[in-house]
Amino acid sequence: MGAGCEHRSRSGSPDGPTTEEGPTPKHVSWDVQFTMSEAGRSRAVLKASRMEQYRTGDSTYSVWRSMNDTARVRVYLFDEQGDSSATVTADSLVFQDRKGILDAYRNVVVVTKSKKRLTTEHLTWEQDDRKIRTKRFVRIRTPTEVVQGNGLVADEDLETYQLGRFSAEVEVNDEKGSSGDEN
């Protein structure tokens, strides 16, 4: 596996060079893996085929992308003990390093070790409170139910979550059977 990096020098602009398309990245790297840790334990691992780092004013952020249709950007999340809690895949990510906030965009899928699967078009994960959030439509599938709604606040392992404007499909076994009597 190969990797690459490119450094772009700053122009006279305090926020870095810009083009008609927007700001120019300060650094560009290929086949990137970045590990975030707390107290010596992995907290999250980000992987992508391309990462662009930008500096604007008082903040730095990076944009993570896949460069083809088959590869997706991946984030592996770990709980406080260092065990895997969830895997996030998306078409692109924006990571604000000073704030510890990660935004996943387009075709976002979260899969937990308990086989819960969340799908949405945008999701925000915050390192400080270990929560994932979205204001968009979201669907969560478990082995026994499908719930969906607009808006979500959840633990990163999806063990507890709150959905806004939700609906659900729950499998119910009617063991008594129906007798046909309506009296």
Protein backbone atom coordinates (compact mmCIF):
# COMPACT_ATOMS: atom_id res chain seq x y z
CA MET A 1 0.00 0.00 0.00
CA GLY A 2 1.36 3.43 -0.90
CA ALA A 3 0.81 6.74 0.79
CA GLY A 4 1.49 10.31 -0.20
CA CYS A 5 1.51 13.79 1.24
CA GLU A 6 1.67 17.24 -0.28
CA HIS A 7 2.43 20.51 1.51
CA ARG A 8 1.09 23.77 0.16
CA SER A 9 2.70 27.00 1.28
CA ARG A 10 0.59 29.89 2.49
CA SER A 11 -0.06 32.93 0.39
CA GLY A 12 -0.48 36.47 1.67
CA SER A 13 -4.02 35.72 2.88
CA PRO A 14 -4.30 35.09 6.65
CA ASP A 15 -6.71 32.23 6.01
CA GLY A 16 -4.68 30.61 3.24
CA PRO A 17 -5.11 30.72 -0.51
CA THR A 18 -8.52 30.49 -2.12
CA THR A 19 -9.83 29.83 -5.60
CA GLU A 20 -13.23 30.36 -7.17
CA GLU A 21 -14.13 26.88 -5.86
CA GLY A 22 -13.19 27.79 -2.26
CA PRO A 23 -10.16 27.55 0.02
CA THR A 24 -7.05 25.67 -1.07
CA PRO A 25 -5.93 22.92 1.33
CA LYS A 26 -2.76 23.48 3.36
CA HIS A 27 -1.87 19.75 3.21
CA VAL A 28 -3.12 16.89 1.06
CA SER A 29 -2.45 13.25 1.97
CA TRP A 30 -3.40 9.94 0.35
CA ASP A 31 -4.19 6.55 1.93
CA VAL A 32 -4.47 8.16 5.35
CA GLN A 33 -5.09 6.69 8.79
CA PHE A 34 -5.43 8.96 11.84
CA THR A 35 -5.83 7.68 15.40
CA MET A 36 -7.40 9.74 18.18
CA SER A 37 -6.63 8.57 21.70
CA GLU A 38 -7.57 9.37 25.30
CA ALA A 39 -5.49 8.24 28.26
CA GLY A 40 -3.41 5.98 26.02
CA ARG A 41 -6.41 4.16 24.51
CA SER A 42 -7.68 4.45 20.96
CA ARG A 43 -10.84 6.55 20.83
CA ALA A 44 -11.37 6.68 17.07
CA VAL A 45 -9.50 5.68 13.93
CA LEU A 46 -10.24 7.55 10.69
CA LYS A 47 -9.30 6.01 7.32
CA ALA A 48 -9.67 7.47 3.84
CA SER A 49 -8.02 7.48 0.45
CA ARG A 50 -7.59 11.29 0.57
CA MET A 51 -7.39 13.86 3.37
CA GLU A 52 -7.21 17.62 2.84
CA GLN A 53 -6.29 19.89 5.76
CA TYR A 54 -7.47 23.50 5.87
CA ARG A 55 -6.69 26.40 8.18
CA THR A 56 -9.17 29.25 8.57
CA GLY A 57 -8.78 31.99 11.14
CA ASP A 58 -8.44 30.30 14.50
CA SER A 59 -9.43 26.77 13.48
CA THR A 60 -8.09 23.83 11.55
CA TYR A 61 -10.26 21.20 9.92
CA SER A 62 -9.72 18.28 7.60
CA VAL A 63 -11.88 16.84 4.84
CA TRP A 64 -11.68 13.08 4.35
CA ARG A 65 -12.87 11.55 1.06
CA SER A 66 -12.94 8.35 -0.90
CA MET A 67 -11.49 8.68 -4.37
CA ASN A 68 -13.56 5.98 -6.08
CA ASP A 69 -17.02 4.45 -5.89
CA THR A 70 -15.94 1.27 -4.13
CA ALA A 71 -13.93 2.76 -1.25
CA ARG A 72 -15.70 4.60 1.54
CA VAL A 73 -14.37 6.74 4.35
CA ARG A 74 -14.36 4.76 7.62
CA VAL A 75 -14.31 5.70 11.28
CA TYR A 76 -13.81 3.01 13.91
CA LEU A 77 -15.10 4.13 17.33
CA PHE A 78 -13.93 2.62 20.61
CA ASP A 79 -15.48 2.76 24.09
CA GLU A 80 -13.71 3.85 27.29
CA GLN A 81 -12.17 0.38 27.73
CA GLY A 82 -10.75 0.44 24.20
CA ASP A 83 -13.26 -2.06 22.80
CA SER A 84 -14.94 -1.48 19.44
CA SER A 85 -18.29 0.29 19.84
CA ALA A 86 -19.25 1.15 16.24
CA THR A 87 -18.03 1.57 12.68
CA VAL A 88 -19.13 4.59 10.62
CA THR A 89 -18.86 4.65 6.83
CA ALA A 90 -19.66 7.65 4.63
CA ASP A 91 -18.79 9.28 1.32
CA SER A 92 -16.95 12.10 3.12
CA LEU A 93 -16.09 13.41 6.59
CA VAL A 94 -15.18 16.80 8.00
CA PHE A 95 -13.15 16.67 11.23
CA GLN A 96 -12.70 19.78 13.40
CA ASP A 97 -9.69 18.75 15.44
CA ARG A 98 -9.76 21.46 18.13
CA LYS A 99 -13.44 20.83 18.86
CA GLY A 100 -13.27 17.04 18.48
CA ILE A 101 -16.30 17.09 16.18
CA LEU A 102 -16.70 14.83 13.18
CA ASP A 103 -19.40 15.31 10.52
CA ALA A 104 -20.15 12.40 8.17
CA TYR A 105 -21.90 13.15 4.87
CA ARG A 106 -23.82 11.17 2.23
CA ASN A 107 -24.65 7.49 2.48
CA VAL A 108 -23.79 7.39 6.18
CA VAL A 109 -24.01 3.96 7.82
CA VAL A 110 -23.28 3.14 11.48
CA VAL A 111 -22.97 -0.53 12.48
CA THR A 112 -22.54 -1.54 16.13
CA LYS A 113 -21.16 -4.72 17.66
CA SER A 114 -24.74 -5.61 18.72
CA LYS A 115 -25.78 -5.63 15.00
CA LYS A 116 -27.71 -2.37 15.07
CA ARG A 117 -27.54 -0.50 11.77
CA LEU A 118 -28.24 3.21 11.36
CA THR A 119 -28.56 4.92 7.97
CA THR A 120 -28.81 8.66 7.25
CA GLU A 121 -27.37 11.36 4.98
CA HIS A 122 -25.60 13.40 7.69
CA LEU A 123 -24.36 12.59 11.17
CA THR A 124 -22.31 14.46 13.78
CA TRP A 125 -20.15 12.69 16.39
CA GLU A 126 -18.70 14.59 19.34
CA GLN A 127 -15.65 13.21 21.10
CA ASP A 128 -16.40 14.91 24.45
CA ASP A 129 -19.83 13.41 25.11
CA ARG A 130 -19.55 10.31 22.86
CA LYS A 131 -22.89 11.12 21.21
CA ILE A 132 -24.04 11.03 17.62
CA ARG A 133 -26.63 13.49 16.36
CA THR A 134 -28.54 14.42 13.24
CA LYS A 135 -31.48 16.63 12.34
CA ARG A 136 -32.08 14.62 9.18
CA PHE A 137 -34.08 11.48 8.45
CA VAL A 138 -32.60 8.41 10.12
CA ARG A 139 -33.47 4.69 10.13
CA ILE A 140 -32.26 2.19 12.73
CA ARG A 141 -32.58 -1.54 12.12
CA THR A 142 -32.11 -4.07 14.89
CA PRO A 143 -32.70 -7.83 14.79
CA THR A 144 -36.27 -7.23 16.06
CA GLU A 145 -37.40 -3.79 14.87
CA VAL A 146 -37.05 -0.95 12.43
CA VAL A 147 -37.46 2.60 13.73
CA GLN A 148 -37.16 5.81 11.79
CA GLY A 149 -37.65 9.51 12.26
CA ASN A 150 -36.32 12.98 11.69
CA GLY A 151 -33.72 13.96 14.27
CA LEU A 152 -31.59 11.77 16.53
CA VAL A 153 -29.47 11.96 19.66
CA ALA A 154 -27.82 8.65 20.55
CA ASP A 155 -24.95 6.97 22.33
CA GLU A 156 -22.32 6.00 19.78
CA ASP A 157 -23.11 2.29 20.31
CA LEU A 158 -26.86 2.99 19.74
CA GLU A 159 -27.79 1.34 23.05
CA THR A 160 -29.91 4.39 23.93
CA TYR A 161 -31.30 6.86 21.45
CA GLN A 162 -33.99 9.50 21.05
CA LEU A 163 -35.74 9.98 17.72
CA GLY A 164 -37.81 12.98 16.68
CA ARG A 165 -41.06 12.45 14.71
CA PHE A 166 -40.64 8.70 14.59
CA SER A 167 -42.42 5.61 13.33
CA ALA A 168 -41.63 1.97 13.96
CA GLU A 169 -42.15 -1.55 12.63
CA VAL A 170 -42.11 -4.12 15.41
CA GLU A 171 -42.61 -7.85 14.96
CA VAL A 172 -45.41 -9.09 17.23
CA ASN A 173 -46.17 -12.79 17.68
CA ASP A 174 -49.88 -13.43 18.25
CA GLU A 175 -49.73 -16.73 20.14
CA LYS A 176 -53.44 -16.82 21.10
CA GLY A 177 -54.61 -16.96 17.50
CA SER A 178 -57.80 -15.34 16.28
CA SER A 179 -61.17 -16.92 16.94
CA GLY A 180 -63.18 -14.69 14.68
CA ASP A 181 -65.62 -13.77 17.49
CA GLU A 182 -66.22 -10.07 17.80
CA ASN A 183 -68.59 -10.28 20.82
